[in-house]
């Protein structure tokens, strides 16, 4: 699976996904740090990458309806420490059906991945 990590995720998250065999790049690598959310989503979509973020606004299906982008995964974590985010990314990396994230809006919360498909 091809992922793009938002700027609000630890750099170590890319290594976690890559070690699980995923193709990963980051918003920072593309010079999009500080860019508005619609621009980040558009860049991820143009690159055919599922965007992973801590930004709960990206889970708003009125603004980002399933099918209008390459896919968005929002990590809804009460503790956003690097260790907790790393664990959530590892859980996502081990997900057995990553293709189901394409063009969907998914929320990973307390070990549960909820996916809304187009």
N, C-alpha and C. Protein backbone atom coordinates (compact mmCIF):
# COMPACT_ATOMS: atom_id res chain seq x y z
N UNK A 1 0.85 -1.17 0.00
CA UNK A 1 0.00 0.00 0.00
C UNK A 1 0.90 1.23 0.00
N UNK A 2 0.39 2.28 -0.62
CA UNK A 2 1.12 3.56 -0.69
C UNK A 2 0.48 4.53 0.31
N UNK A 3 1.30 5.02 1.24
CA UNK A 3 0.83 5.93 2.28
C UNK A 3 1.58 7.25 2.22
N UNK A 4 0.90 8.31 2.67
CA UNK A 4 1.52 9.62 2.91
C UNK A 4 1.23 9.97 4.36
N UNK A 5 2.27 10.32 5.11
CA UNK A 5 2.11 10.68 6.51
C UNK A 5 2.02 12.18 6.66
N UNK A 6 1.03 12.63 7.41
CA UNK A 6 0.86 14.06 7.68
C UNK A 6 2.00 14.53 8.57
N UNK A 7 2.17 15.83 8.62
CA UNK A 7 3.27 16.42 9.38
C UNK A 7 3.12 16.24 10.89
N UNK A 8 1.92 15.89 11.36
CA UNK A 8 1.71 15.76 12.80
C UNK A 8 2.06 14.37 13.34
N UNK A 9 2.65 13.51 12.51
CA UNK A 9 3.05 12.17 12.94
C UNK A 9 4.57 12.11 13.12
N UNK A 10 5.04 11.32 14.09
CA UNK A 10 6.49 11.19 14.28
C UNK A 10 7.16 10.59 13.05
N UNK A 11 8.37 11.01 12.78
CA UNK A 11 9.14 10.51 11.64
C UNK A 11 9.29 8.99 11.71
N UNK A 12 9.35 8.43 12.91
CA UNK A 12 9.52 6.99 13.08
C UNK A 12 8.33 6.21 12.49
N UNK A 13 7.20 6.86 12.32
CA UNK A 13 6.03 6.19 11.76
C UNK A 13 6.29 5.70 10.34
N UNK A 14 7.05 6.47 9.58
CA UNK A 14 7.37 6.07 8.21
C UNK A 14 8.18 4.78 8.21
N UNK A 15 9.14 4.68 9.11
CA UNK A 15 9.96 3.47 9.20
C UNK A 15 9.12 2.26 9.59
N UNK A 16 8.16 2.45 10.50
CA UNK A 16 7.28 1.35 10.91
C UNK A 16 6.50 0.80 9.73
N UNK A 17 5.94 1.69 8.94
CA UNK A 17 5.15 1.26 7.78
C UNK A 17 6.05 0.65 6.70
N UNK A 18 7.19 1.26 6.48
CA UNK A 18 8.11 0.75 5.46
C UNK A 18 8.62 -0.65 5.83
N UNK A 19 8.87 -0.88 7.10
CA UNK A 19 9.36 -2.20 7.52
C UNK A 19 8.30 -3.28 7.34
N UNK A 20 7.04 -2.88 7.24
CA UNK A 20 5.96 -3.82 6.98
C UNK A 20 5.71 -3.98 5.48
N UNK A 21 6.55 -3.35 4.67
CA UNK A 21 6.47 -3.51 3.22
C UNK A 21 5.66 -2.47 2.49
N UNK A 22 5.26 -1.40 3.18
CA UNK A 22 4.47 -0.35 2.54
C UNK A 22 5.38 0.72 1.95
N UNK A 23 4.90 1.40 0.93
CA UNK A 23 5.59 2.51 0.28
C UNK A 23 5.12 3.78 0.99
N UNK A 24 6.03 4.52 1.60
CA UNK A 24 5.66 5.65 2.45
C UNK A 24 6.43 6.90 2.06
N UNK A 25 5.72 8.02 2.02
CA UNK A 25 6.38 9.31 1.98
C UNK A 25 5.67 10.23 2.97
N UNK A 26 6.20 11.41 3.15
CA UNK A 26 5.66 12.31 4.17
C UNK A 26 5.35 13.68 3.56
N UNK A 27 4.47 14.38 4.23
CA UNK A 27 4.13 15.74 3.84
C UNK A 27 5.39 16.60 3.87
N UNK A 28 6.23 16.42 4.87
CA UNK A 28 7.46 17.19 4.98
C UNK A 28 8.41 16.97 3.82
N UNK A 29 8.51 15.73 3.35
CA UNK A 29 9.40 15.43 2.22
C UNK A 29 8.97 16.15 0.95
N UNK A 30 7.70 16.46 0.85
CA UNK A 30 7.18 17.13 -0.34
C UNK A 30 7.12 18.64 -0.18
N UNK A 31 7.59 19.15 0.94
CA UNK A 31 7.55 20.59 1.16
C UNK A 31 6.16 21.12 1.43
N UNK A 32 5.27 20.27 1.94
CA UNK A 32 3.90 20.68 2.21
C UNK A 32 3.64 20.97 3.69
N UNK A 33 4.67 21.03 4.49
CA UNK A 33 4.48 21.34 5.91
C UNK A 33 3.79 22.69 6.04
N UNK A 34 2.74 22.73 6.84
CA UNK A 34 1.98 23.96 7.03
C UNK A 34 0.94 24.24 5.96
N UNK A 35 0.86 23.37 4.95
CA UNK A 35 -0.13 23.57 3.88
C UNK A 35 -1.54 23.29 4.41
N UNK A 36 -2.54 23.95 3.83
CA UNK A 36 -3.93 23.69 4.24
C UNK A 36 -4.31 22.23 3.95
N UNK A 37 -5.23 21.71 4.76
CA UNK A 37 -5.66 20.31 4.60
C UNK A 37 -6.09 19.96 3.18
N UNK A 38 -6.90 20.79 2.50
CA UNK A 38 -7.30 20.43 1.14
C UNK A 38 -6.11 20.24 0.20
N UNK A 39 -5.05 21.03 0.40
CA UNK A 39 -3.86 20.89 -0.44
C UNK A 39 -3.13 19.58 -0.14
N UNK A 40 -3.08 19.21 1.12
CA UNK A 40 -2.41 17.95 1.52
C UNK A 40 -3.20 16.76 0.97
N UNK A 41 -4.51 16.80 1.09
CA UNK A 41 -5.36 15.72 0.56
C UNK A 41 -5.20 15.64 -0.95
N UNK A 42 -5.17 16.77 -1.63
CA UNK A 42 -5.01 16.79 -3.09
C UNK A 42 -3.66 16.19 -3.49
N UNK A 43 -2.60 16.51 -2.76
CA UNK A 43 -1.28 15.96 -3.07
C UNK A 43 -1.25 14.45 -2.87
N UNK A 44 -1.86 13.99 -1.78
CA UNK A 44 -1.92 12.54 -1.52
C UNK A 44 -2.73 11.85 -2.61
N UNK A 45 -3.81 12.45 -3.03
CA UNK A 45 -4.66 11.88 -4.07
C UNK A 45 -3.92 11.83 -5.40
N UNK A 46 -3.22 12.91 -5.74
CA UNK A 46 -2.47 12.95 -7.00
C UNK A 46 -1.39 11.87 -7.03
N UNK A 47 -0.82 11.56 -5.87
CA UNK A 47 0.23 10.54 -5.78
C UNK A 47 -0.36 9.15 -5.51
N UNK A 48 -1.69 9.07 -5.45
CA UNK A 48 -2.38 7.81 -5.17
C UNK A 48 -1.91 7.18 -3.86
N UNK A 49 -1.86 8.02 -2.83
CA UNK A 49 -1.43 7.59 -1.50
C UNK A 49 -2.53 7.83 -0.48
N UNK A 50 -2.71 6.89 0.42
CA UNK A 50 -3.64 7.03 1.53
C UNK A 50 -2.97 7.93 2.56
N UNK A 51 -3.64 9.00 2.95
CA UNK A 51 -3.11 9.95 3.91
C UNK A 51 -3.42 9.47 5.33
N UNK A 52 -2.41 9.47 6.19
CA UNK A 52 -2.57 9.13 7.61
C UNK A 52 -2.28 10.38 8.42
N UNK A 53 -3.18 10.69 9.37
CA UNK A 53 -3.05 11.93 10.12
C UNK A 53 -3.67 11.80 11.51
N UNK A 54 -3.30 12.72 12.37
CA UNK A 54 -3.96 12.88 13.67
C UNK A 54 -5.04 13.95 13.62
N UNK A 55 -5.18 14.61 12.50
CA UNK A 55 -6.11 15.73 12.33
C UNK A 55 -7.53 15.20 12.17
N UNK A 56 -8.34 15.31 13.23
CA UNK A 56 -9.71 14.76 13.19
C UNK A 56 -10.59 15.48 12.17
N UNK A 57 -10.23 16.67 11.76
CA UNK A 57 -10.99 17.37 10.74
C UNK A 57 -10.99 16.65 9.41
N UNK A 58 -9.98 15.84 9.17
CA UNK A 58 -9.90 15.08 7.92
C UNK A 58 -10.91 13.93 7.88
N UNK A 59 -11.51 13.60 9.02
CA UNK A 59 -12.52 12.54 9.07
C UNK A 59 -13.91 13.07 8.74
N UNK A 60 -14.03 14.35 8.47
CA UNK A 60 -15.33 14.96 8.14
C UNK A 60 -15.72 14.55 6.72
N UNK A 61 -16.67 13.63 6.61
CA UNK A 61 -17.05 13.12 5.29
C UNK A 61 -17.82 14.14 4.46
N UNK A 62 -18.25 15.24 5.07
CA UNK A 62 -18.87 16.31 4.28
C UNK A 62 -17.81 17.05 3.50
N UNK A 63 -16.64 17.23 4.10
CA UNK A 63 -15.53 17.92 3.44
C UNK A 63 -14.72 16.96 2.57
N UNK A 64 -14.60 15.71 3.00
CA UNK A 64 -13.78 14.72 2.30
C UNK A 64 -14.58 13.42 2.13
N UNK A 65 -15.60 13.45 1.27
CA UNK A 65 -16.43 12.26 1.12
C UNK A 65 -15.65 11.08 0.56
N UNK A 66 -15.93 9.87 1.05
CA UNK A 66 -15.28 8.68 0.50
C UNK A 66 -15.46 8.65 -1.02
N UNK A 67 -14.39 8.30 -1.70
CA UNK A 67 -14.40 8.26 -3.16
C UNK A 67 -13.89 9.52 -3.82
N UNK A 68 -13.73 10.60 -3.04
CA UNK A 68 -13.25 11.86 -3.62
C UNK A 68 -11.74 12.05 -3.44
N UNK A 69 -11.07 11.06 -2.88
CA UNK A 69 -9.64 11.13 -2.60
C UNK A 69 -9.08 9.72 -2.61
N UNK A 70 -7.78 9.58 -2.43
CA UNK A 70 -7.13 8.26 -2.46
C UNK A 70 -7.38 7.46 -1.19
N UNK A 71 -7.78 8.12 -0.13
CA UNK A 71 -8.04 7.48 1.15
C UNK A 71 -7.47 8.31 2.29
N UNK A 72 -8.15 8.29 3.41
CA UNK A 72 -7.71 9.03 4.60
C UNK A 72 -7.89 8.12 5.81
N UNK A 73 -6.84 8.05 6.63
CA UNK A 73 -6.91 7.34 7.90
C UNK A 73 -6.60 8.35 8.99
N UNK A 74 -7.53 8.51 9.91
CA UNK A 74 -7.33 9.43 11.04
C UNK A 74 -7.10 8.59 12.29
N UNK A 75 -6.01 8.88 12.99
CA UNK A 75 -5.72 8.23 14.26
C UNK A 75 -6.35 9.08 15.35
N UNK A 76 -7.41 8.57 15.97
CA UNK A 76 -8.08 9.30 17.06
C UNK A 76 -7.58 8.73 18.36
N UNK A 77 -6.54 9.34 18.89
CA UNK A 77 -5.87 8.84 20.08
C UNK A 77 -5.99 9.86 21.20
N UNK A 78 -6.38 9.39 22.39
CA UNK A 78 -6.46 10.31 23.52
C UNK A 78 -5.06 10.72 23.97
N UNK A 79 -4.11 9.82 23.80
CA UNK A 79 -2.70 10.09 24.11
C UNK A 79 -1.95 10.15 22.78
N UNK A 80 -1.43 11.31 22.43
CA UNK A 80 -0.74 11.46 21.16
C UNK A 80 0.78 11.46 21.32
N UNK A 81 1.25 10.75 22.35
CA UNK A 81 2.69 10.63 22.54
C UNK A 81 3.29 9.82 21.40
N UNK A 82 4.57 9.96 21.18
CA UNK A 82 5.24 9.22 20.11
C UNK A 82 5.06 7.72 20.27
N UNK A 83 5.12 7.22 21.50
CA UNK A 83 4.97 5.78 21.74
C UNK A 83 3.57 5.30 21.36
N UNK A 84 2.55 6.05 21.72
CA UNK A 84 1.17 5.66 21.41
C UNK A 84 0.90 5.74 19.91
N UNK A 85 1.39 6.79 19.28
CA UNK A 85 1.23 6.92 17.83
C UNK A 85 1.97 5.79 17.12
N UNK A 86 3.16 5.47 17.59
CA UNK A 86 3.94 4.39 17.00
C UNK A 86 3.19 3.06 17.09
N UNK A 87 2.56 2.80 18.23
CA UNK A 87 1.77 1.57 18.41
C UNK A 87 0.60 1.56 17.44
N UNK A 88 -0.10 2.67 17.29
CA UNK A 88 -1.23 2.75 16.37
C UNK A 88 -0.78 2.52 14.92
N UNK A 89 0.36 3.10 14.55
CA UNK A 89 0.90 2.91 13.20
C UNK A 89 1.28 1.44 12.99
N UNK A 90 1.86 0.82 14.00
CA UNK A 90 2.20 -0.61 13.91
C UNK A 90 0.94 -1.45 13.72
N UNK A 91 -0.12 -1.11 14.45
CA UNK A 91 -1.39 -1.81 14.29
C UNK A 91 -1.92 -1.65 12.86
N UNK A 92 -1.82 -0.44 12.35
CA UNK A 92 -2.29 -0.17 10.99
C UNK A 92 -1.42 -0.93 9.98
N UNK A 93 -0.13 -0.96 10.18
CA UNK A 93 0.79 -1.65 9.27
C UNK A 93 0.47 -3.14 9.21
N UNK A 94 -0.03 -3.69 10.30
CA UNK A 94 -0.35 -5.12 10.37
C UNK A 94 -1.76 -5.43 9.88
N UNK A 95 -2.52 -4.41 9.53
CA UNK A 95 -3.90 -4.60 9.07
C UNK A 95 -3.88 -5.54 7.86
N UNK A 96 -4.72 -6.57 7.87
CA UNK A 96 -4.64 -7.61 6.86
C UNK A 96 -5.33 -7.28 5.54
N UNK A 97 -6.02 -6.15 5.44
CA UNK A 97 -6.67 -5.79 4.20
C UNK A 97 -6.48 -4.30 3.90
N UNK A 98 -5.23 -3.87 3.66
CA UNK A 98 -4.99 -2.44 3.45
C UNK A 98 -5.68 -1.88 2.20
N UNK A 99 -5.98 -2.73 1.22
CA UNK A 99 -6.66 -2.23 0.02
C UNK A 99 -8.04 -1.66 0.33
N UNK A 100 -8.64 -2.09 1.44
CA UNK A 100 -9.96 -1.57 1.80
C UNK A 100 -9.90 -0.10 2.24
N UNK A 101 -8.69 0.43 2.41
CA UNK A 101 -8.53 1.84 2.78
C UNK A 101 -8.59 2.77 1.57
N UNK A 102 -8.46 2.22 0.38
CA UNK A 102 -8.47 3.04 -0.84
C UNK A 102 -9.81 3.77 -0.98
N UNK A 103 -9.70 5.06 -1.18
CA UNK A 103 -10.84 5.96 -1.38
C UNK A 103 -11.82 5.99 -0.21
N UNK A 104 -11.42 5.45 0.93
CA UNK A 104 -12.28 5.41 2.12
C UNK A 104 -11.82 6.45 3.14
N UNK A 105 -12.68 6.69 4.11
CA UNK A 105 -12.31 7.47 5.29
C UNK A 105 -12.34 6.48 6.44
N UNK A 106 -11.20 6.32 7.12
CA UNK A 106 -11.10 5.35 8.20
C UNK A 106 -10.64 6.06 9.47
N UNK A 107 -11.13 5.57 10.59
CA UNK A 107 -10.73 6.10 11.89
C UNK A 107 -10.21 4.95 12.72
N UNK A 108 -8.98 5.09 13.19
CA UNK A 108 -8.38 4.10 14.08
C UNK A 108 -8.44 4.66 15.49
N UNK A 109 -9.19 3.96 16.35
CA UNK A 109 -9.41 4.43 17.71
C UNK A 109 -9.47 3.22 18.64
N UNK A 110 -8.64 3.24 19.69
CA UNK A 110 -8.62 2.17 20.69
C UNK A 110 -8.55 0.77 20.06
N UNK A 111 -7.70 0.62 19.05
CA UNK A 111 -7.53 -0.67 18.42
C UNK A 111 -8.62 -1.07 17.45
N UNK A 112 -9.60 -0.22 17.23
CA UNK A 112 -10.70 -0.50 16.32
C UNK A 112 -10.56 0.38 15.09
N UNK A 113 -10.62 -0.25 13.92
CA UNK A 113 -10.53 0.51 12.67
C UNK A 113 -11.91 0.53 12.03
N UNK A 114 -12.51 1.72 11.97
CA UNK A 114 -13.82 1.90 11.33
C UNK A 114 -13.59 2.50 9.96
N UNK A 115 -14.15 1.87 8.95
CA UNK A 115 -13.92 2.29 7.56
C UNK A 115 -15.24 2.64 6.90
N UNK A 116 -15.28 3.83 6.32
CA UNK A 116 -16.45 4.24 5.54
C UNK A 116 -16.02 4.25 4.06
N UNK A 117 -16.64 3.36 3.29
CA UNK A 117 -16.32 3.20 1.88
C UNK A 117 -17.18 4.12 1.02
N UNK A 118 -16.71 4.36 -0.22
CA UNK A 118 -17.54 5.16 -1.15
C UNK A 118 -18.83 4.44 -1.50
